[in-house]
PDB file of N, CA and C in Angstrom:
ATOM      1  N   MET A   1       2.294 -11.491  12.299  1.00  0.00           N
ATOM      2  CA  MET A   1       2.182 -10.494  11.868  1.00  0.00           C
ATOM      3  C   MET A   1       2.319 -10.438  10.540  1.00  0.00           C
ATOM      4  N   ASP A   2       1.555  -9.550   9.814  1.00  0.00           N
ATOM      5  CA  ASP A   2       1.720  -9.519   8.231  1.00  0.00           C
ATOM      6  C   ASP A   2       2.952  -8.995   7.858  1.00  0.00           C
ATOM      7  N   ASN A   3       3.082  -8.959   6.582  1.00  0.00           N
ATOM      8  CA  ASN A   3       4.389  -8.729   5.926  1.00  0.00           C
ATOM      9  C   ASN A   3       4.565  -7.068   5.505  1.00  0.00           C
ATOM     10  N   ALA A   4       3.977  -6.441   6.005  1.00  0.00           N
ATOM     11  CA  ALA A   4       3.951  -4.954   5.648  1.00  0.00           C
ATOM     12  C   ALA A   4       5.364  -4.411   5.896  1.00  0.00           C
ATOM     13  N   ALA A   5       5.903  -3.803   5.114  1.00  0.00           N
ATOM     14  CA  ALA A   5       7.136  -3.221   5.139  1.00  0.00           C
ATOM     15  C   ALA A   5       7.665  -2.647   6.575  1.00  0.00           C
ATOM     16  N   PHE A   6       7.092  -1.886   7.105  1.00  0.00           N
ATOM     17  CA  PHE A   6       7.124  -1.317   8.398  1.00  0.00           C
ATOM     18  C   PHE A   6       7.255  -2.151   9.490  1.00  0.00           C
ATOM     19  N   HIS A   7       6.546  -3.442   9.256  1.00  0.00           N
ATOM     20  CA  HIS A   7       6.766  -4.329  10.343  1.00  0.00           C
ATOM     21  C   HIS A   7       8.127  -4.939  10.332  1.00  0.00           C
ATOM     22  N   LYS A   8       8.802  -5.002   9.317  1.00  0.00           N
ATOM     23  CA  LYS A   8      10.093  -5.741   9.053  1.00  0.00           C
ATOM     24  C   LYS A   8      11.287  -4.792   9.554  1.00  0.00           C
ATOM     25  N   ARG A   9      11.021  -3.448   9.832  1.00  0.00           N
ATOM     26  CA  ARG A   9      11.943  -2.500  10.014  1.00  0.00           C
ATOM     27  C   ARG A   9      12.747  -3.103  11.208  1.00  0.00           C
ATOM     28  N   PRO A  10      14.082  -2.883  11.380  1.00  0.00           N
ATOM     29  CA  PRO A  10      14.887  -3.494  12.634  1.00  0.00           C
ATOM     30  C   PRO A  10      14.544  -2.895  13.851  1.00  0.00           C
ATOM     31  N   ASP A  11      14.166  -1.545  13.841  1.00  0.00           N
ATOM     32  CA  ASP A  11      14.081  -0.722  15.167  1.00  0.00           C
ATOM     33  C   ASP A  11      12.394  -1.489  15.481  1.00  0.00           C
ATOM     34  N   ILE A  12      11.674  -1.673  14.857  1.00  0.00           N
ATOM     35  CA  ILE A  12      10.271  -2.294  15.068  1.00  0.00           C
ATOM     36  C   ILE A  12      10.634  -3.491  15.790  1.00  0.00           C
ATOM     37  N   GLN A  13      11.483  -4.399  15.114  1.00  0.00           N
ATOM     38  CA  GLN A  13      11.565  -5.947  15.534  1.00  0.00           C
ATOM     39  C   GLN A  13      12.349  -5.796  17.154  1.00  0.00           C
ATOM     40  N   ASP A  14      13.291  -4.815  16.900  1.00  0.00           N
ATOM     41  CA  ASP A  14      14.105  -4.901  18.174  1.00  0.00           C
ATOM     42  C   ASP A  14      13.163  -4.424  19.362  1.00  0.00           C
ATOM     43  N   LEU A  15      12.450  -3.559  19.226  1.00  0.00           N
ATOM     44  CA  LEU A  15      11.367  -3.011  20.241  1.00  0.00           C
ATOM     45  C   LEU A  15      10.481  -4.023  20.730  1.00  0.00           C
ATOM     46  N   LEU A  16      10.005  -4.861  19.674  1.00  0.00           N
ATOM     47  CA  LEU A  16       9.108  -6.121  20.046  1.00  0.00           C
ATOM     48  C   LEU A  16       9.912  -7.052  20.915  1.00  0.00           C
ATOM     49  N   SER A  17      11.238  -7.385  20.313  1.00  0.00           N
ATOM     50  CA  SER A  17      12.090  -8.333  21.152  1.00  0.00           C
ATOM     51  C   SER A  17      12.351  -7.908  22.671  1.00  0.00           C
ATOM     52  N   GLN A  18      12.646  -6.635  22.835  1.00  0.00           N
ATOM     53  CA  GLN A  18      13.061  -6.081  24.247  1.00  0.00           C
ATOM     54  C   GLN A  18      11.785  -6.216  24.938  1.00  0.00           C
ATOM     55  N   HIS A  19      10.701  -6.082  24.560  1.00  0.00           N
ATOM     56  CA  HIS A  19       9.550  -6.682  25.357  1.00  0.00           C
ATOM     57  C   HIS A  19       9.000  -7.819  25.598  1.00  0.00           C
ATOM     58  N   GLY A  20       9.846  -8.800  25.186  1.00  0.00           N
ATOM     59  CA  GLY A  20       9.649 -10.344  25.292  1.00  0.00           C
ATOM     60  C   GLY A  20       8.650 -10.669  24.103  1.00  0.00           C
ATOM     61  N   HIS A  21       8.279  -9.888  22.856  1.00  0.00           N
ATOM     62  CA  HIS A  21       7.275 -10.740  22.146  1.00  0.00           C
ATOM     63  C   HIS A  21       8.050 -11.565  20.930  1.00  0.00           C
ATOM     64  N   GLN A  22       7.668 -12.584  20.479  1.00  0.00           N
ATOM     65  CA  GLN A  22       8.098 -13.446  19.534  1.00  0.00           C
ATOM     66  C   GLN A  22       7.278 -12.881  18.381  1.00  0.00           C
ATOM     67  N   ILE A  23       7.886 -12.764  17.039  1.00  0.00           N
ATOM     68  CA  ILE A  23       7.394 -12.301  15.713  1.00  0.00           C
ATOM     69  C   ILE A  23       6.869 -13.765  15.125  1.00  0.00           C
ATOM     70  N   LEU A  24       5.855 -13.864  14.949  1.00  0.00           N
ATOM     71  CA  LEU A  24       5.144 -15.119  13.967  1.00  0.00           C
ATOM     72  C   LEU A  24       4.720 -14.659  12.790  1.00  0.00           C
ATOM     73  N   TRP A  25       5.522 -14.583  11.642  1.00  0.00           N
ATOM     74  CA  TRP A  25       4.973 -13.922  10.433  1.00  0.00           C
ATOM     75  C   TRP A  25       4.001 -14.850   9.671  1.00  0.00           C
ATOM     76  N   LEU A  26       2.979 -14.291   9.085  1.00  0.00           N
ATOM     77  CA  LEU A  26       1.839 -14.718   8.446  1.00  0.00           C
ATOM     78  C   LEU A  26       2.536 -15.169   7.041  1.00  0.00           C
ATOM     79  N   PRO A  27       2.047 -16.012   6.188  1.00  0.00           N
ATOM     80  CA  PRO A  27       2.447 -16.434   4.802  1.00  0.00           C
ATOM     81  C   PRO A  27       2.195 -15.085   3.958  1.00  0.00           C
ATOM     82  N   PRO A  28       2.775 -14.587   2.829  1.00  0.00           N
ATOM     83  CA  PRO A  28       2.688 -13.762   2.018  1.00  0.00           C
ATOM     84  C   PRO A  28       1.107 -13.411   1.941  1.00  0.00           C
ATOM     85  N   TYR A  29       0.377 -14.337   1.343  1.00  0.00           N
ATOM     86  CA  TYR A  29      -0.932 -14.030   1.206  1.00  0.00           C
ATOM     87  C   TYR A  29      -1.987 -15.062   1.855  1.00  0.00           C
ATOM     88  N   SER A  30      -2.679 -14.613   3.059  1.00  0.00           N
ATOM     89  CA  SER A  30      -3.205 -15.689   3.944  1.00  0.00           C
ATOM     90  C   SER A  30      -4.607 -14.898   4.473  1.00  0.00           C
ATOM     91  N   PRO A  31      -5.514 -14.790   3.312  1.00  0.00           N
ATOM     92  CA  PRO A  31      -6.782 -14.236   3.623  1.00  0.00           C
ATOM     93  C   PRO A  31      -7.493 -15.005   4.892  1.00  0.00           C
ATOM     94  N   ASP A  32      -7.386 -16.228   4.980  1.00  0.00           N
ATOM     95  CA  ASP A  32      -8.208 -16.901   6.208  1.00  0.00           C
ATOM     96  C   ASP A  32      -7.462 -16.601   7.488  1.00  0.00           C
ATOM     97  N   LEU A  33      -6.306 -16.184   7.562  1.00  0.00           N
ATOM     98  CA  LEU A  33      -5.533 -15.688   8.804  1.00  0.00           C
ATOM     99  C   LEU A  33      -5.754 -14.368   8.930  1.00  0.00           C
ATOM    100  N   ASN A  34      -5.976 -13.601   8.117  1.00  0.00           N
ATOM    101  CA  ASN A  34      -6.052 -12.117   8.120  1.00  0.00           C
ATOM    102  C   ASN A  34      -7.597 -11.511   7.628  1.00  0.00           C
ATOM    103  N   PRO A  35      -8.314 -11.407   8.511  1.00  0.00           N
ATOM    104  CA  PRO A  35      -9.805 -11.114   8.399  1.00  0.00           C
ATOM    105  C   PRO A  35      -9.747  -9.791   7.731  1.00  0.00           C
ATOM    106  N   ILE A  36      -9.141  -8.860   7.689  1.00  0.00           N
ATOM    107  CA  ILE A  36      -9.394  -7.654   6.856  1.00  0.00           C
ATOM    108  C   ILE A  36      -9.356  -7.869   5.502  1.00  0.00           C
ATOM    109  N   GLU A  37      -8.378  -9.100   5.007  1.00  0.00           N
ATOM    110  CA  GLU A  37      -8.666  -9.352   3.669  1.00  0.00           C
ATOM    111  C   GLU A  37     -10.147  -9.667   2.949  1.00  0.00           C
ATOM    112  N   LYS A  38     -10.754 -10.340   3.974  1.00  0.00           N
ATOM    113  CA  LYS A  38     -12.427 -10.638   3.576  1.00  0.00           C
ATOM    114  C   LYS A  38     -13.085  -9.094   3.746  1.00  0.00           C
ATOM    115  N   MET A  39     -12.965  -8.327   4.415  1.00  0.00           N
ATOM    116  CA  MET A  39     -13.473  -6.933   4.272  1.00  0.00           C
ATOM    117  C   MET A  39     -13.217  -6.365   3.022  1.00  0.00           C
ATOM    118  N   TRP A  40     -11.836  -6.259   2.778  1.00  0.00           N
ATOM    119  CA  TRP A  40     -11.462  -5.628   1.570  1.00  0.00           C
ATOM    120  C   TRP A  40     -12.195  -6.342   0.224  1.00  0.00           C
ATOM    121  N   ALA A  41     -12.222  -7.491   0.317  1.00  0.00           N
ATOM    122  CA  ALA A  41     -12.880  -8.372  -0.971  1.00  0.00           C
ATOM    123  C   ALA A  41     -14.308  -7.955  -0.831  1.00  0.00           C
ATOM    124  N   TRP A  42     -15.077  -7.811   0.381  1.00  0.00           N
ATOM    125  CA  TRP A  42     -16.317  -7.186   0.107  1.00  0.00           C
ATOM    126  C   TRP A  42     -16.376  -5.857  -0.159  1.00  0.00           C
ATOM    127  N   VAL A  43     -15.607  -4.983   0.127  1.00  0.00           N
ATOM    128  CA  VAL A  43     -15.597  -3.576  -0.255  1.00  0.00           C
ATOM    129  C   VAL A  43     -15.281  -3.320  -1.714  1.00  0.00           C
ATOM    130  N   LYS A  44     -14.308  -4.122  -2.380  1.00  0.00           N
ATOM    131  CA  LYS A  44     -14.108  -4.231  -3.858  1.00  0.00           C
ATOM    132  C   LYS A  44     -15.276  -4.582  -4.456  1.00  0.00           C
ATOM    133  N   ALA A  45     -16.065  -5.656  -4.049  1.00  0.00           N
ATOM    134  CA  ALA A  45     -17.329  -6.411  -4.824  1.00  0.00           C
ATOM    135  C   ALA A  45     -18.300  -5.093  -4.619  1.00  0.00           C
ATOM    136  N   LYS A  46     -18.450  -4.817  -3.521  1.00  0.00           N
ATOM    137  CA  LYS A  46     -19.370  -3.412  -3.600  1.00  0.00           C
ATOM    138  C   LYS A  46     -19.286  -2.494  -4.545  1.00  0.00           C
ATOM    139  N   ARG A  47     -17.976  -1.925  -4.557  1.00  0.00           N
ATOM    140  CA  ARG A  47     -17.437  -0.909  -5.540  1.00  0.00           C
ATOM    141  C   ARG A  47     -17.799  -1.150  -6.888  1.00  0.00           C
ATOM    142  N   LYS A  48     -17.824  -2.298  -7.193  1.00  0.00           N
ATOM    143  CA  LYS A  48     -18.164  -2.905  -8.621  1.00  0.00           C
ATOM    144  C   LYS A  48     -19.657  -2.753  -8.803  1.00  0.00           C
ATOM    145  N   LYS A  49     -20.357  -3.267  -7.993  1.00  0.00           N
ATOM    146  CA  LYS A  49     -21.687  -3.124  -8.114  1.00  0.00           C
ATOM    147  C   LYS A  49     -22.082  -1.940  -7.753  1.00  0.00           C
ATOM    148  N   TRP A  50     -21.811  -0.976  -7.034  1.00  0.00           N
ATOM    149  CA  TRP A  50     -22.524   0.329  -6.879  1.00  0.00           C
ATOM    150  C   TRP A  50     -21.765   1.208  -7.899  1.00  0.00           C
ATOM    151  N   LEU A  51     -20.917   0.763  -8.761  1.00  0.00           N
ATOM    152  CA  LEU A  51     -20.229   1.864  -9.706  1.00  0.00           C
ATOM    153  C   LEU A  51     -19.859   3.304  -9.191  1.00  0.00           C
ATOM    154  N   VAL A  52     -19.495   3.217  -8.107  1.00  0.00           N
ATOM    155  CA  VAL A  52     -18.922   4.517  -7.578  1.00  0.00           C
ATOM    156  C   VAL A  52     -17.409   4.806  -8.429  1.00  0.00           C
ATOM    157  N   ASN A  53     -17.227   6.021  -8.397  1.00  0.00           N
ATOM    158  CA  ASN A  53     -15.848   6.358  -9.081  1.00  0.00           C
ATOM    159  C   ASN A  53     -15.159   7.419  -8.080  1.00  0.00           C
ATOM    160  N   SER A  54     -15.579   7.521  -6.939  1.00  0.00           N
ATOM    161  CA  SER A  54     -14.673   8.349  -5.985  1.00  0.00           C
ATOM    162  C   SER A  54     -14.626   7.710  -4.745  1.00  0.00           C
ATOM    163  N   ILE A  55     -13.496   7.933  -3.833  1.00  0.00           N
ATOM    164  CA  ILE A  55     -13.506   7.202  -2.428  1.00  0.00           C
ATOM    165  C   ILE A  55     -14.612   7.841  -1.665  1.00  0.00           C
ATOM    166  N   ASP A  56     -14.887   8.917  -1.565  1.00  0.00           N
ATOM    167  CA  ASP A  56     -15.900   9.614  -0.710  1.00  0.00           C
ATOM    168  C   ASP A  56     -17.335   8.810  -1.086  1.00  0.00           C
ATOM    169  N   LYS A  57     -17.756   8.636  -2.357  1.00  0.00           N
ATOM    170  CA  LYS A  57     -18.903   8.189  -2.440  1.00  0.00           C
ATOM    171  C   LYS A  57     -18.757   6.942  -2.029  1.00  0.00           C
ATOM    172  N   LEU A  58     -17.763   6.088  -2.403  1.00  0.00           N
ATOM    173  CA  LEU A  58     -17.718   4.628  -1.602  1.00  0.00           C
ATOM    174  C   LEU A  58     -17.893   4.612  -0.245  1.00  0.00           C
ATOM    175  N   PHE A  59     -17.178   5.312   0.572  1.00  0.00           N
ATOM    176  CA  PHE A  59     -17.413   5.403   2.002  1.00  0.00           C
ATOM    177  C   PHE A  59     -18.630   5.822   2.408  1.00  0.00           C
ATOM    178  N   SER A  60     -19.045   6.777   1.923  1.00  0.00           N
ATOM    179  CA  SER A  60     -20.633   7.204   2.191  1.00  0.00           C
ATOM    180  C   SER A  60     -21.542   5.858   2.005  1.00  0.00           C
ATOM    181  N   ARG A  61     -21.380   5.146   0.880  1.00  0.00           N
ATOM    182  CA  ARG A  61     -22.374   3.859   0.677  1.00  0.00           C
ATOM    183  C   ARG A  61     -22.039   3.077   1.573  1.00  0.00           C
ATOM    184  N   PHE A  62     -20.765   2.583   1.745  1.00  0.00           N
ATOM    185  CA  PHE A  62     -20.058   1.705   2.901  1.00  0.00           C
ATOM    186  C   PHE A  62     -20.898   2.107   4.278  1.00  0.00           C
ATOM    187  N   PHE A  63     -20.687   3.342   4.644  1.00  0.00           N
ATOM    188  CA  PHE A  63     -21.203   3.606   5.882  1.00  0.00           C
ATOM    189  C   PHE A  63     -22.609   3.142   6.050  1.00  0.00           C
ATOM    190  N   ASN A  64     -23.453   3.868   4.997  1.00  0.00           N
ATOM    191  CA  ASN A  64     -24.801   3.713   4.948  1.00  0.00           C
ATOM    192  C   ASN A  64     -25.316   2.023   4.901  1.00  0.00           C
ATOM    193  N   GLU A  65     -24.579   1.232   4.093  1.00  0.00           N
ATOM    194  CA  GLU A  65     -24.685  -0.109   4.313  1.00  0.00           C
ATOM    195  C   GLU A  65     -24.474  -0.752   5.564  1.00  0.00           C
ATOM    196  N   CYS A  66     -23.295  -0.413   6.267  1.00  0.00           N
ATOM    197  CA  CYS A  66     -23.050  -1.030   7.678  1.00  0.00           C
ATOM    198  C   CYS A  66     -24.005  -0.435   8.635  1.00  0.00           C
ATOM    199  N   MET A  67     -24.735   0.651   8.504  1.00  0.00           N
ATOM    200  CA  MET A  67     -25.220   1.129   9.528  1.00  0.00           C
ATOM    201  C   MET A  67     -26.953   0.900   9.196  1.00  0.00           C
ATOM    202  N   GLY A  68     -27.082   0.413   8.158  1.00  0.00           N
ATOM    203  CA  GLY A  68     -28.581  -0.384   7.842  1.00  0.00           C
ATOM    204  C   GLY A  68     -29.408   0.606   7.121  1.00  0.00           C
ATOM    205  N   ASN A  69     -28.794   1.692   6.324  1.00  0.00           N
ATOM    206  CA  ASN A  69     -29.806   2.858   5.864  1.00  0.00           C
ATOM    207  C   ASN A  69     -29.883   2.680   4.451  1.00  0.00           C
TER     208      ASN A  69
END
């Protein structure tokens, strides 16, 4: 599990434990173990290339790129 603050809440940890789950924490920065990090790196690179200044424009370009438009 990543190190998001809400994952470390005692009630969340208790809930997982009650259902027989063992928590395996990822190192603080582990892009090779957390694929979304690669996606965010791609998005950040595209944002710089596209020179967009709003989240709406970024997601519109991102959607079009993913859909092949």
